[in-house]
N, C-alpha and C. Protein backbone atom coordinates (compact mmCIF):
# COMPACT_ATOMS: atom_id res chain seq x y z
N MET A 1 -11.93 15.06 -2.19
CA MET A 1 -10.57 14.63 -2.12
C MET A 1 -9.48 15.15 -3.29
N SER A 2 -10.25 15.69 -4.42
CA SER A 2 -9.59 16.27 -5.37
C SER A 2 -9.20 17.66 -5.11
N GLN A 3 -10.11 18.69 -4.31
CA GLN A 3 -9.72 19.48 -3.91
C GLN A 3 -8.51 19.66 -2.84
N PHE A 4 -8.51 18.60 -2.10
CA PHE A 4 -7.90 18.52 -1.18
C PHE A 4 -6.06 18.23 -1.58
N LEU A 5 -6.40 17.50 -2.61
CA LEU A 5 -5.16 17.10 -3.15
C LEU A 5 -4.46 18.20 -3.99
N LEU A 6 -5.25 19.04 -4.43
CA LEU A 6 -4.86 20.22 -5.50
C LEU A 6 -4.28 21.36 -4.33
N ASP A 7 -4.57 21.20 -3.30
CA ASP A 7 -4.55 22.62 -2.45
C ASP A 7 -3.20 22.02 -1.42
N LEU A 8 -2.55 20.88 -1.92
CA LEU A 8 -1.52 20.42 -1.15
C LEU A 8 -0.23 21.24 -1.72
N PRO A 9 0.70 21.48 -0.68
CA PRO A 9 2.34 22.28 -1.12
C PRO A 9 2.88 21.10 -1.78
N LEU A 10 3.27 21.16 -2.99
CA LEU A 10 4.07 20.01 -3.88
C LEU A 10 5.23 20.65 -4.21
N ASN A 11 5.82 21.98 -3.61
CA ASN A 11 7.09 22.32 -3.60
C ASN A 11 8.06 22.36 -2.52
N THR A 12 7.57 21.75 -1.43
CA THR A 12 8.29 21.68 -0.26
C THR A 12 8.88 20.54 0.35
N SER A 13 9.94 20.49 0.39
CA SER A 13 10.07 18.86 0.99
C SER A 13 9.96 18.52 2.73
N VAL A 14 9.47 19.60 3.48
CA VAL A 14 8.44 19.40 4.83
C VAL A 14 7.60 18.63 4.35
N TYR A 15 6.81 18.68 3.38
CA TYR A 15 5.78 17.81 3.20
C TYR A 15 5.53 16.46 2.65
N THR A 16 6.76 16.07 2.05
CA THR A 16 7.17 15.07 1.61
C THR A 16 7.73 14.04 2.92
N SER A 17 8.29 14.43 3.99
CA SER A 17 8.63 14.01 4.99
C SER A 17 7.55 13.54 5.76
N THR A 18 6.38 14.56 5.62
CA THR A 18 5.59 14.52 6.88
C THR A 18 4.64 13.39 6.12
N LYS A 19 4.54 13.38 4.93
CA LYS A 19 3.38 12.58 4.61
C LYS A 19 4.32 11.17 4.57
N THR A 20 5.45 10.98 4.59
CA THR A 20 5.95 9.28 4.63
C THR A 20 5.56 9.09 5.88
N ASP A 21 5.82 9.84 6.98
CA ASP A 21 5.71 9.82 8.32
C ASP A 21 4.51 9.49 8.90
N LEU A 22 3.52 10.16 8.19
CA LEU A 22 2.02 9.77 8.43
C LEU A 22 1.99 8.55 8.07
N TRP A 23 1.59 8.19 6.83
CA TRP A 23 1.41 6.80 6.68
C TRP A 23 2.37 5.17 7.41
N SER A 24 3.38 5.87 7.65
CA SER A 24 4.25 4.81 8.14
C SER A 24 3.92 4.51 10.03
N THR A 25 3.34 5.54 10.44
CA THR A 25 2.96 6.21 11.74
C THR A 25 1.49 5.31 12.06
N HIS A 26 0.52 5.72 10.97
CA HIS A 26 -0.70 5.03 10.70
C HIS A 26 -0.60 3.75 10.71
N THR A 27 0.24 3.25 9.75
CA THR A 27 0.28 1.66 9.60
C THR A 27 0.56 0.89 11.04
N LYS A 28 1.81 1.68 11.77
CA LYS A 28 2.11 0.91 12.69
C LYS A 28 1.18 0.93 13.81
N THR A 29 0.54 2.03 14.04
CA THR A 29 -0.73 2.21 14.97
C THR A 29 -1.78 1.05 14.51
N LYS A 30 -2.18 1.23 13.35
CA LYS A 30 -3.11 -0.21 13.13
C LYS A 30 -2.40 -1.29 13.88
N ARG A 31 -1.60 -1.51 13.44
CA ARG A 31 -0.92 -2.67 13.65
C ARG A 31 -0.81 -3.17 15.30
N LEU A 32 -0.37 -1.90 15.77
CA LEU A 32 -0.52 -2.05 17.40
C LEU A 32 -2.41 -2.52 18.02
N HIS A 33 -2.86 -1.52 17.57
CA HIS A 33 -4.22 -1.87 17.67
C HIS A 33 -4.49 -3.16 17.31
N LEU A 34 -4.41 -3.62 16.22
CA LEU A 34 -4.91 -5.17 15.92
C LEU A 34 -4.24 -6.38 17.09
N ASP A 35 -3.29 -6.00 17.31
CA ASP A 35 -2.20 -6.99 18.12
C ASP A 35 -2.87 -6.60 19.83
N LEU A 36 -3.22 -5.75 19.83
CA LEU A 36 -4.01 -5.60 21.56
C LEU A 36 -5.32 -6.18 21.56
N LYS A 37 -6.03 -6.01 20.41
CA LYS A 37 -7.29 -6.50 20.21
C LYS A 37 -7.47 -8.09 19.93
N LEU A 38 -6.48 -8.45 19.32
CA LEU A 38 -6.19 -10.14 19.24
C LEU A 38 -5.55 -10.56 20.49
N ARG A 39 -4.84 -9.99 21.44
CA ARG A 39 -4.54 -10.26 22.56
C ARG A 39 -6.02 -10.75 23.32
N SER A 40 -6.67 -9.85 23.37
CA SER A 40 -7.94 -10.02 24.21
C SER A 40 -8.63 -10.97 23.82
N MET A 41 -8.99 -11.59 22.49
CA MET A 41 -9.57 -12.51 21.62
C MET A 41 -8.96 -13.77 21.32
N THR A 42 -7.36 -14.30 22.27
CA THR A 42 -7.06 -15.17 21.92
C THR A 42 -8.07 -16.48 22.70
N TRP A 43 -8.28 -16.36 23.53
CA TRP A 43 -9.32 -17.35 24.23
C TRP A 43 -10.70 -17.82 23.07
N LEU A 44 -10.94 -17.19 22.29
CA LEU A 44 -11.75 -17.18 20.84
C LEU A 44 -11.30 -17.65 19.75
N LEU A 45 -10.00 -17.16 19.44
CA LEU A 45 -9.56 -17.61 18.08
C LEU A 45 -8.16 -18.20 18.12
N GLY A 46 -7.40 -18.58 19.36
CA GLY A 46 -6.42 -19.16 19.64
C GLY A 46 -6.49 -20.28 19.06
N ARG A 47 -5.31 -21.25 19.07
CA ARG A 47 -5.52 -22.56 18.55
C ARG A 47 -6.10 -23.21 19.39
N LYS A 48 -6.00 -23.20 20.77
CA LYS A 48 -6.85 -24.18 21.50
C LYS A 48 -8.52 -23.82 21.70
N SER A 49 -8.55 -23.03 21.00
CA SER A 49 -10.02 -22.82 21.04
C SER A 49 -10.99 -23.87 20.70
N GLN A 50 -12.20 -23.75 21.17
CA GLN A 50 -13.23 -25.07 20.63
C GLN A 50 -14.05 -24.58 19.86
N LEU A 51 -14.10 -23.08 19.30
CA LEU A 51 -15.11 -22.77 18.42
C LEU A 51 -15.35 -23.48 17.09
N LEU A 52 -16.24 -23.49 16.20
CA LEU A 52 -15.94 -24.02 15.13
C LEU A 52 -15.24 -23.21 14.19
N LEU A 53 -14.98 -23.59 12.84
CA LEU A 53 -14.20 -22.42 12.23
C LEU A 53 -14.53 -21.78 11.48
N ALA A 54 -16.06 -22.06 11.19
CA ALA A 54 -16.75 -20.86 10.86
C ALA A 54 -17.17 -19.59 11.56
N ASN A 55 -17.18 -20.04 12.86
CA ASN A 55 -17.34 -18.96 13.75
C ASN A 55 -16.17 -17.98 14.15
N LYS A 56 -14.99 -18.74 13.88
CA LYS A 56 -13.81 -18.28 14.09
C LYS A 56 -13.51 -17.19 13.08
N LEU A 57 -14.03 -17.43 11.88
CA LEU A 57 -13.73 -16.48 10.65
C LEU A 57 -14.29 -15.45 10.50
N LEU A 58 -15.90 -15.68 11.42
CA LEU A 58 -17.10 -14.74 11.24
C LEU A 58 -16.61 -13.69 12.38
N LEU A 59 -15.95 -14.16 13.45
CA LEU A 59 -15.09 -13.23 14.30
C LEU A 59 -14.17 -12.17 14.01
N TYR A 60 -13.36 -12.94 13.20
CA TYR A 60 -12.55 -11.64 12.33
C TYR A 60 -12.59 -11.06 11.46
N LYS A 61 -13.75 -11.66 10.96
CA LYS A 61 -14.05 -10.43 9.92
C LYS A 61 -15.15 -9.36 10.36
N CYS A 62 -15.63 -9.14 11.47
CA CYS A 62 -16.57 -8.88 12.31
C CYS A 62 -15.87 -7.66 13.37
N MET A 63 -14.96 -8.32 13.90
CA MET A 63 -14.24 -7.91 15.01
C MET A 63 -12.62 -7.22 14.42
N LEU A 64 -11.97 -7.88 13.60
CA LEU A 64 -10.76 -7.42 13.57
C LEU A 64 -10.32 -6.93 11.97
N LYS A 65 -11.10 -7.24 10.82
CA LYS A 65 -10.80 -6.63 9.85
C LYS A 65 -11.74 -5.24 9.77
N PRO A 66 -12.43 -5.30 10.32
CA PRO A 66 -12.92 -3.79 10.12
C PRO A 66 -11.94 -2.49 10.60
N VAL A 67 -10.97 -2.80 11.72
CA VAL A 67 -9.94 -2.04 12.41
C VAL A 67 -9.06 -1.85 11.17
N TRP A 68 -8.46 -2.60 10.17
CA TRP A 68 -7.37 -2.19 9.26
C TRP A 68 -8.13 -1.59 8.11
N THR A 69 -9.18 -1.76 8.01
CA THR A 69 -10.09 -1.78 6.42
C THR A 69 -10.70 0.04 6.46
N TYR A 70 -10.78 0.16 7.91
CA TYR A 70 -11.83 1.70 8.17
C TYR A 70 -10.77 2.38 7.87
N GLY A 71 -11.01 3.82 6.59
CA GLY A 71 -10.12 4.40 5.94
C GLY A 71 -9.37 4.05 4.54
N VAL A 72 -9.48 2.62 4.29
CA VAL A 72 -8.47 2.16 3.60
C VAL A 72 -8.46 2.95 2.25
N GLN A 73 -9.45 3.25 1.86
CA GLN A 73 -9.55 4.05 0.21
C GLN A 73 -8.62 5.09 0.22
N LEU A 74 -8.14 5.90 1.42
CA LEU A 74 -7.20 6.99 1.76
C LEU A 74 -5.55 6.51 1.76
N TRP A 75 -5.43 5.63 2.63
CA TRP A 75 -4.14 5.30 2.76
C TRP A 75 -3.77 3.83 2.12
N GLY A 76 -4.81 3.05 1.41
CA GLY A 76 -4.36 2.11 1.02
C GLY A 76 -3.48 2.31 -0.38
N CYS A 77 -2.95 3.47 -0.91
CA CYS A 77 -1.80 3.69 -1.63
C CYS A 77 -0.78 3.87 -1.07
N VAL A 78 -0.55 3.02 0.08
CA VAL A 78 0.93 3.40 0.91
C VAL A 78 1.67 2.12 -0.17
N LYS A 79 2.98 2.43 0.30
CA LYS A 79 4.08 1.71 -0.09
C LYS A 79 3.99 0.15 0.56
N PRO A 80 4.16 -0.91 -0.65
CA PRO A 80 4.23 -2.02 -0.05
C PRO A 80 4.74 -3.07 1.15
N SER A 81 5.92 -2.27 1.51
CA SER A 81 6.14 -2.18 2.91
C SER A 81 5.12 -2.15 4.02
N HIS A 82 4.35 -1.31 3.63
CA HIS A 82 3.61 -1.52 4.89
C HIS A 82 1.96 -2.05 4.61
N THR A 83 1.67 -2.22 3.79
CA THR A 83 0.73 -3.17 3.60
C THR A 83 1.04 -4.49 3.68
N GLN A 84 2.10 -4.82 3.75
CA GLN A 84 2.74 -6.32 3.97
C GLN A 84 2.69 -6.22 5.82
N ILE A 85 2.90 -5.22 6.14
CA ILE A 85 2.66 -5.23 7.84
C ILE A 85 1.24 -6.04 8.08
N ILE A 86 0.38 -5.26 7.44
CA ILE A 86 -1.27 -5.89 7.45
C ILE A 86 -1.17 -7.24 7.21
N GLN A 87 -0.35 -7.50 6.05
CA GLN A 87 -0.94 -9.19 5.93
C GLN A 87 -0.25 -10.01 6.50
N ARG A 88 1.27 -9.61 7.18
CA ARG A 88 1.95 -10.62 7.65
C ARG A 88 0.72 -11.35 9.28
N LEU A 89 0.29 -9.70 9.39
CA LEU A 89 -0.73 -10.06 10.52
C LEU A 89 -2.04 -10.85 10.12
N GLN A 90 -2.56 -10.58 9.02
CA GLN A 90 -3.68 -11.53 8.53
C GLN A 90 -3.28 -12.78 8.80
N SER A 91 -2.26 -13.33 8.15
CA SER A 91 -1.78 -14.50 7.88
C SER A 91 -1.46 -15.11 9.31
N LYS A 92 -1.00 -14.50 10.38
CA LYS A 92 -0.58 -14.95 11.32
C LYS A 92 -1.87 -15.50 12.31
N ILE A 93 -3.11 -14.51 12.07
CA ILE A 93 -4.24 -14.74 12.59
C ILE A 93 -5.22 -16.01 12.27
N LEU A 94 -4.87 -16.21 10.59
CA LEU A 94 -5.64 -17.37 9.93
C LEU A 94 -5.06 -18.82 10.25
N ARG A 95 -3.53 -18.50 10.54
CA ARG A 95 -3.08 -19.72 11.14
C ARG A 95 -3.07 -19.94 12.70
N SER A 96 -3.50 -18.91 13.21
CA SER A 96 -4.05 -19.22 14.74
C SER A 96 -5.26 -19.75 14.49
N ILE A 97 -6.07 -19.85 13.90
CA ILE A 97 -7.63 -19.97 13.77
C ILE A 97 -7.86 -21.25 13.49
N THR A 98 -7.03 -21.79 12.06
CA THR A 98 -6.86 -23.02 11.52
C THR A 98 -6.21 -23.74 12.23
N ASN A 99 -4.92 -23.49 13.02
CA ASN A 99 -4.08 -24.43 13.93
C ASN A 99 -3.47 -25.37 12.34
N VAL A 100 -3.16 -24.85 11.60
CA VAL A 100 -2.63 -25.66 10.18
C VAL A 100 -1.12 -25.84 10.62
N PRO A 101 -0.31 -26.97 10.38
CA PRO A 101 1.05 -27.37 10.26
C PRO A 101 1.79 -26.14 9.86
N TRP A 102 3.04 -26.16 10.01
CA TRP A 102 3.79 -24.98 9.23
C TRP A 102 4.13 -25.18 7.88
N TYR A 103 3.98 -26.59 7.26
CA TYR A 103 4.42 -26.48 5.69
C TYR A 103 3.02 -26.09 5.41
N VAL A 104 2.15 -25.65 6.00
CA VAL A 104 0.69 -25.50 4.88
C VAL A 104 1.59 -23.74 4.43
N SER A 105 1.16 -23.42 3.04
CA SER A 105 1.53 -21.69 2.80
C SER A 105 0.59 -21.00 3.03
N ASN A 106 1.12 -19.78 3.00
CA ASN A 106 -0.16 -18.84 3.18
C ASN A 106 -0.81 -18.37 2.15
N PHE A 107 -0.42 -19.03 0.96
CA PHE A 107 -1.55 -18.89 -0.50
C PHE A 107 -2.33 -19.69 -0.38
N THR A 108 -2.34 -21.33 0.07
CA THR A 108 -2.96 -22.35 0.22
C THR A 108 -4.12 -21.89 1.35
N LEU A 109 -3.35 -21.22 2.57
CA LEU A 109 -4.24 -20.83 3.58
C LEU A 109 -5.52 -19.93 3.40
N HIS A 110 -5.25 -18.88 2.49
CA HIS A 110 -6.19 -17.99 2.17
C HIS A 110 -7.12 -18.23 0.91
N ARG A 111 -6.67 -19.39 -0.05
CA ARG A 111 -7.51 -19.85 -0.97
C ARG A 111 -8.55 -20.79 -0.23
N ASP A 112 -7.91 -21.79 0.42
CA ASP A 112 -9.25 -22.63 1.19
C ASP A 112 -10.48 -22.01 1.99
N LEU A 113 -9.46 -20.52 2.81
CA LEU A 113 -10.91 -20.30 3.81
C LEU A 113 -11.26 -19.01 2.74
N HIS A 114 -11.28 -18.57 1.23
CA HIS A 114 -11.72 -17.62 0.91
C HIS A 114 -11.54 -16.24 1.49
N ILE A 115 -10.52 -15.81 1.73
CA ILE A 115 -10.03 -14.92 2.43
C ILE A 115 -8.69 -14.24 1.60
N PRO A 116 -9.33 -13.04 0.71
CA PRO A 116 -8.40 -12.03 -0.26
C PRO A 116 -7.19 -11.86 0.65
N PHE A 117 -6.24 -11.43 -0.26
CA PHE A 117 -4.95 -10.80 0.48
C PHE A 117 -5.07 -9.49 0.71
N VAL A 118 -4.47 -8.57 1.42
CA VAL A 118 -4.59 -7.48 1.81
C VAL A 118 -4.99 -6.57 0.47
N VAL A 119 -3.68 -6.94 -0.15
CA VAL A 119 -3.67 -5.61 -1.34
C VAL A 119 -4.81 -5.74 -2.30
N SER A 120 -5.37 -7.21 -2.52
CA SER A 120 -6.78 -7.46 -3.48
C SER A 120 -7.91 -6.50 -2.88
N GLU A 121 -7.90 -6.90 -1.18
CA GLU A 121 -8.88 -6.30 -0.53
C GLU A 121 -8.92 -5.23 -0.68
N ILE A 122 -7.86 -4.08 -0.61
CA ILE A 122 -7.36 -2.82 -0.37
C ILE A 122 -8.34 -2.34 -2.07
N ARG A 123 -7.91 -2.81 -3.01
CA ARG A 123 -8.18 -2.41 -4.13
C ARG A 123 -9.96 -2.78 -4.75
N ARG A 124 -10.39 -3.83 -3.75
CA ARG A 124 -11.78 -4.19 -4.10
C ARG A 124 -12.67 -2.97 -3.61
N LEU A 125 -12.03 -2.43 -2.15
CA LEU A 125 -12.71 -1.51 -1.35
C LEU A 125 -12.68 -0.01 -2.37
N PHE A 126 -11.72 0.15 -2.83
CA PHE A 126 -11.43 1.44 -3.40
C PHE A 126 -12.49 1.49 -4.50
N HIS A 127 -12.46 0.44 -5.32
CA HIS A 127 -13.38 0.38 -6.62
C HIS A 127 -15.01 0.65 -6.15
N LEU A 128 -15.27 -0.07 -4.96
CA LEU A 128 -16.62 -0.26 -4.77
C LEU A 128 -16.96 1.39 -3.86
N TYR A 129 -15.61 1.92 -3.54
CA TYR A 129 -16.00 3.42 -3.19
C TYR A 129 -16.03 4.50 -4.09
N HIS A 130 -15.26 4.03 -5.20
CA HIS A 130 -15.08 5.01 -6.84
C HIS A 130 -16.37 4.84 -7.48
N GLN A 131 -17.31 3.74 -7.27
CA GLN A 131 -18.45 3.55 -7.87
C GLN A 131 -19.34 4.57 -7.25
N ARG A 132 -19.56 4.26 -5.97
CA ARG A 132 -20.18 5.22 -5.02
C ARG A 132 -19.97 6.78 -5.13
N LEU A 133 -18.91 7.18 -5.37
CA LEU A 133 -18.88 8.62 -5.63
C LEU A 133 -19.36 8.78 -7.02
N VAL A 134 -19.09 8.05 -8.37
CA VAL A 134 -19.78 8.49 -9.87
C VAL A 134 -21.53 8.65 -9.48
N SER A 135 -22.04 7.31 -8.90
CA SER A 135 -23.56 7.41 -8.96
C SER A 135 -23.87 8.30 -7.73
N HIS A 136 -23.40 9.30 -6.96
CA HIS A 136 -24.30 9.66 -5.62
C HIS A 136 -24.87 10.85 -6.29
N HIS A 137 -26.18 10.83 -5.65
CA HIS A 137 -27.01 11.70 -6.07
C HIS A 137 -26.44 13.50 -5.94
N ASN A 138 -25.71 13.47 -5.23
CA ASN A 138 -25.07 15.03 -4.79
C ASN A 138 -24.06 15.36 -5.83
N PRO A 139 -24.29 16.27 -6.44
CA PRO A 139 -22.79 16.66 -7.78
C PRO A 139 -21.47 17.12 -6.94
N LEU A 140 -21.60 17.56 -5.61
CA LEU A 140 -20.39 18.18 -4.86
C LEU A 140 -19.81 16.63 -4.43
N VAL A 141 -20.53 15.62 -4.34
CA VAL A 141 -19.64 14.48 -4.18
C VAL A 141 -19.42 13.69 -5.24
N ALA A 142 -20.04 13.69 -6.17
CA ALA A 142 -19.90 13.27 -7.36
C ALA A 142 -18.44 14.04 -7.80
N GLU A 143 -18.36 15.11 -7.46
CA GLU A 143 -16.95 15.64 -8.36
C GLU A 143 -15.62 15.01 -8.00
N LEU A 144 -15.69 14.59 -6.42
CA LEU A 144 -14.65 13.85 -5.80
C LEU A 144 -14.37 12.54 -6.90
N ALA A 145 -15.24 11.80 -7.53
CA ALA A 145 -14.55 10.84 -8.44
C ALA A 145 -14.22 11.11 -9.79
N VAL A 146 -13.68 12.95 -9.67
CA VAL A 146 -12.96 13.00 -10.90
C VAL A 146 -11.59 12.98 -10.83
N LEU A 147 -11.04 12.37 -11.61
CA LEU A 147 -9.17 12.40 -11.39
C LEU A 147 -8.58 14.02 -11.56
N PRO A 148 -7.54 14.23 -10.61
CA PRO A 148 -7.03 15.75 -10.68
C PRO A 148 -6.06 15.38 -11.74
N LEU A 149 -6.47 16.96 -12.64
CA LEU A 149 -5.15 17.10 -13.85
C LEU A 149 -3.96 18.24 -13.13
N MET A 150 -2.92 17.36 -12.60
CA MET A 150 -1.99 18.22 -12.50
C MET A 150 -0.51 17.37 -12.65
N ALA A 151 0.69 17.95 -12.51
CA ALA A 151 1.89 17.54 -12.98
C ALA A 151 2.20 16.97 -11.83
N ARG A 152 2.97 15.88 -11.46
CA ARG A 152 3.40 14.75 -10.37
C ARG A 152 4.55 14.85 -10.56
N ARG A 153 5.38 15.45 -9.29
CA ARG A 153 7.03 15.28 -9.63
C ARG A 153 7.65 14.29 -8.69
N LEU A 154 6.65 13.41 -8.12
CA LEU A 154 7.00 12.11 -7.32
C LEU A 154 6.42 10.86 -8.30
N LYS A 155 6.90 9.96 -7.62
CA LYS A 155 6.51 8.41 -8.02
C LYS A 155 5.64 7.99 -7.06
N ARG A 156 5.65 8.72 -5.99
CA ARG A 156 4.49 8.25 -4.92
C ARG A 156 3.17 8.38 -5.41
N GLN A 157 2.23 6.97 -4.80
CA GLN A 157 0.69 6.61 -5.56
C GLN A 157 -0.18 7.62 -4.84
N TRP A 158 -1.06 7.93 -5.27
CA TRP A 158 -2.47 8.67 -4.90
C TRP A 158 -3.22 7.67 -4.85
N PRO A 159 -4.28 7.51 -3.87
CA PRO A 159 -5.82 6.68 -4.10
C PRO A 159 -6.66 6.67 -5.27
N THR A 160 -6.40 7.37 -6.03
CA THR A 160 -7.06 7.26 -7.68
C THR A 160 -5.87 6.19 -8.34
N ASP A 161 -4.72 6.12 -8.02
CA ASP A 161 -3.86 5.06 -8.72
C ASP A 161 -4.34 3.75 -8.58
N LEU A 162 -5.21 3.26 -7.73
CA LEU A 162 -6.11 2.22 -7.30
C LEU A 162 -6.68 1.59 -8.51
N LEU A 163 -7.35 2.59 -8.96
CA LEU A 163 -8.05 2.47 -10.26
C LEU A 163 -7.43 1.59 -11.37
N ASN A 164 -6.45 2.09 -11.64
CA ASN A 164 -5.82 1.18 -13.08
C ASN A 164 -4.97 0.09 -12.57
N ASP A 165 -5.00 -0.28 -11.32
CA ASP A 165 -5.05 -1.53 -11.09
C ASP A 165 -6.10 -2.34 -11.10
N PRO A 166 -5.59 -3.81 -11.50
CA PRO A 166 -7.03 -5.23 -11.52
C PRO A 166 -7.47 -5.43 -10.04
N LEU A 167 -8.45 -5.99 -9.91
CA LEU A 167 -9.39 -6.30 -8.89
C LEU A 167 -8.33 -7.49 -8.23
N TYR A 168 -7.64 -8.30 -8.83
CA TYR A 168 -7.09 -9.49 -8.21
C TYR A 168 -5.40 -8.82 -7.94
N ASP A 169 -4.84 -9.73 -7.49
CA ASP A 169 -3.58 -9.31 -6.89
C ASP A 169 -2.82 -10.00 -8.05
N LYS A 170 -1.88 -9.67 -8.42
CA LYS A 170 -1.19 -10.01 -9.34
C LYS A 170 0.02 -11.03 -8.56
N SER A 171 0.45 -10.86 -7.45
CA SER A 171 1.20 -11.73 -6.97
C SER A 171 0.59 -13.03 -6.79
N CYS A 172 -0.76 -13.03 -6.30
CA CYS A 172 -1.58 -14.30 -6.40
C CYS A 172 -1.34 -15.05 -7.36
N VAL A 173 -1.14 -14.33 -8.98
CA VAL A 173 -1.04 -15.16 -10.22
C VAL A 173 0.20 -15.59 -10.16
N LEU A 174 1.26 -14.95 -9.50
CA LEU A 174 2.53 -15.16 -9.48
C LEU A 174 2.48 -16.73 -8.79
N CYS A 175 2.37 -16.73 -7.44
CA CYS A 175 1.80 -17.71 -6.80
C CYS A 175 1.53 -19.14 -7.04
N ILE A 176 0.44 -19.06 -7.90
CA ILE A 176 -0.40 -20.03 -8.43
C ILE A 176 0.72 -20.29 -9.67
N THR A 177 1.40 -19.71 -10.27
CA THR A 177 2.03 -20.03 -11.45
C THR A 177 3.28 -20.93 -10.83
N LEU A 178 4.09 -20.50 -9.94
CA LEU A 178 4.92 -21.39 -9.12
C LEU A 178 4.42 -22.43 -8.65
N LEU A 179 3.38 -22.65 -8.30
CA LEU A 179 2.72 -23.56 -7.35
C LEU A 179 2.50 -24.70 -8.43
N LEU A 180 1.89 -24.35 -9.47
CA LEU A 180 1.67 -25.41 -10.46
C LEU A 180 3.02 -25.79 -11.13
N ASP A 181 3.76 -25.00 -11.47
CA ASP A 181 5.21 -25.43 -11.77
C ASP A 181 5.85 -26.27 -11.08
N THR A 182 5.97 -26.01 -9.66
CA THR A 182 6.31 -27.09 -8.60
C THR A 182 5.78 -28.21 -8.57
N MET A 183 4.41 -28.51 -8.97
CA MET A 183 3.78 -29.68 -8.87
C MET A 183 4.06 -30.48 -9.81
N GLU A 184 4.27 -29.98 -11.10
CA GLU A 184 4.76 -30.66 -12.40
C GLU A 184 5.80 -31.14 -12.17
N ARG A 185 6.75 -30.63 -11.76
CA ARG A 185 8.22 -31.20 -11.83
C ARG A 185 8.17 -32.00 -10.81
N HIS A 186 7.39 -32.09 -9.91
CA HIS A 186 7.51 -33.05 -8.50
C HIS A 186 6.72 -34.08 -8.69
N SER A 187 5.67 -33.89 -9.62
CA SER A 187 4.55 -34.86 -9.51
C SER A 187 3.61 -35.11 -8.42
N TRP A 188 3.37 -33.72 -7.72
CA TRP A 188 2.54 -33.79 -6.31
C TRP A 188 1.11 -33.71 -6.45
N LYS A 189 0.49 -34.46 -6.13
CA LYS A 189 -1.18 -34.48 -6.17
C LYS A 189 -1.48 -33.82 -4.77
N THR A 190 -2.32 -32.83 -4.42
CA THR A 190 -2.75 -32.43 -3.45
C THR A 190 -3.99 -32.73 -3.06
N SER A 191 -4.29 -33.44 -2.15
CA SER A 191 -6.00 -33.56 -1.74
C SER A 191 -6.47 -32.43 -1.26
N PRO A 192 -8.11 -32.40 -1.53
CA PRO A 192 -8.53 -31.27 -1.24
C PRO A 192 -8.74 -31.17 0.44
N LEU A 193 -9.36 -29.93 1.05
CA LEU A 193 -9.57 -29.98 2.19
C LEU A 193 -10.12 -30.80 3.11
N LYS A 194 -9.79 -31.22 3.77
CA LYS A 194 -10.15 -32.68 5.23
C LYS A 194 -10.07 -31.89 6.55
N PHE A 195 -11.64 -31.74 6.97
CA PHE A 195 -11.96 -31.82 8.56
C PHE A 195 -11.96 -33.01 9.20
N SER A 196 -11.23 -32.74 9.83
CA SER A 196 -10.86 -33.74 11.34
C SER A 196 -11.54 -33.51 12.41
N SER A 197 -11.97 -32.51 12.96
CA SER A 197 -12.81 -32.33 14.13
C SER A 197 -13.74 -30.87 13.51
N PRO A 198 -14.79 -30.51 14.07
CA PRO A 198 -15.42 -29.94 13.96
C PRO A 198 -14.75 -27.99 14.07
N HIS A 199 -14.01 -28.33 14.71
CA HIS A 199 -13.40 -26.74 14.89
C HIS A 199 -11.85 -26.65 14.56
N SER A 200 -11.19 -27.59 13.72
CA SER A 200 -10.10 -27.82 12.92
C SER A 200 -9.98 -28.39 11.78
N PHE A 201 -8.91 -28.35 10.86
CA PHE A 201 -8.92 -29.06 9.77
C PHE A 201 -7.66 -29.41 9.30
N THR A 202 -7.05 -30.49 8.62
CA THR A 202 -5.44 -30.70 8.12
C THR A 202 -5.59 -30.55 6.55
N TYR A 203 -4.43 -30.40 6.26
CA TYR A 203 -4.28 -30.53 4.92
C TYR A 203 -3.34 -32.02 4.54
N CYS A 204 -3.70 -32.61 3.30
CA CYS A 204 -2.59 -33.92 3.12
C CYS A 204 -2.07 -33.86 1.85
N SER A 205 -0.77 -33.78 1.76
CA SER A 205 -0.14 -34.00 0.49
C SER A 205 0.20 -35.29 0.40
N THR A 206 0.36 -36.37 -0.72
CA THR A 206 1.19 -37.37 -1.23
C THR A 206 1.85 -37.20 -2.14
N LEU A 207 3.06 -37.67 -2.18
CA LEU A 207 3.73 -38.07 -3.38
C LEU A 207 3.53 -39.12 -4.24
N GLU A 208 3.37 -39.17 -5.46
CA GLU A 208 3.18 -40.26 -6.61
C GLU A 208 4.15 -41.34 -5.74
């Protein structure tokens, strides 16, 4: 990957527009592929499905999640507007799986189901990929883990920039801070997760 980045033409405006269009087209293609796959699995993952919640999550992790995580070590450095396309679809799928009411936030949904946000999962997968490169027995493969030393004119991120980010998502920390502040100001107490049936659950919030 390092040699590939060194061979890229940095002094051409054609490359800049081509790369931008490449990641934009790639993300939209991923979204279309996921939409088609989800449509064919609606009878299993839809709101009226009688499958257990654990089985629905297993289907998502085994059938739908690998579609957008494939090659994420390379395209995971795209702009936030591109990753939000995948994040919106993941939130939509989780809401369809659980059949939760409209007032349940996406943060609560991801937290209770133990599903990481897309940005956090991208960083985790790239960290694992980099660790495999460093410890690889082939010296040619291990050289791919070396960061390229070259001047960068643009502010666009490279895949290796994901190593500088923590494994957790900073937006999640912000959501937690805002949620705790809101609960403290309004004196809310949110009860834990309650299962109302073998294949669905409900959230209960009460005011003091």
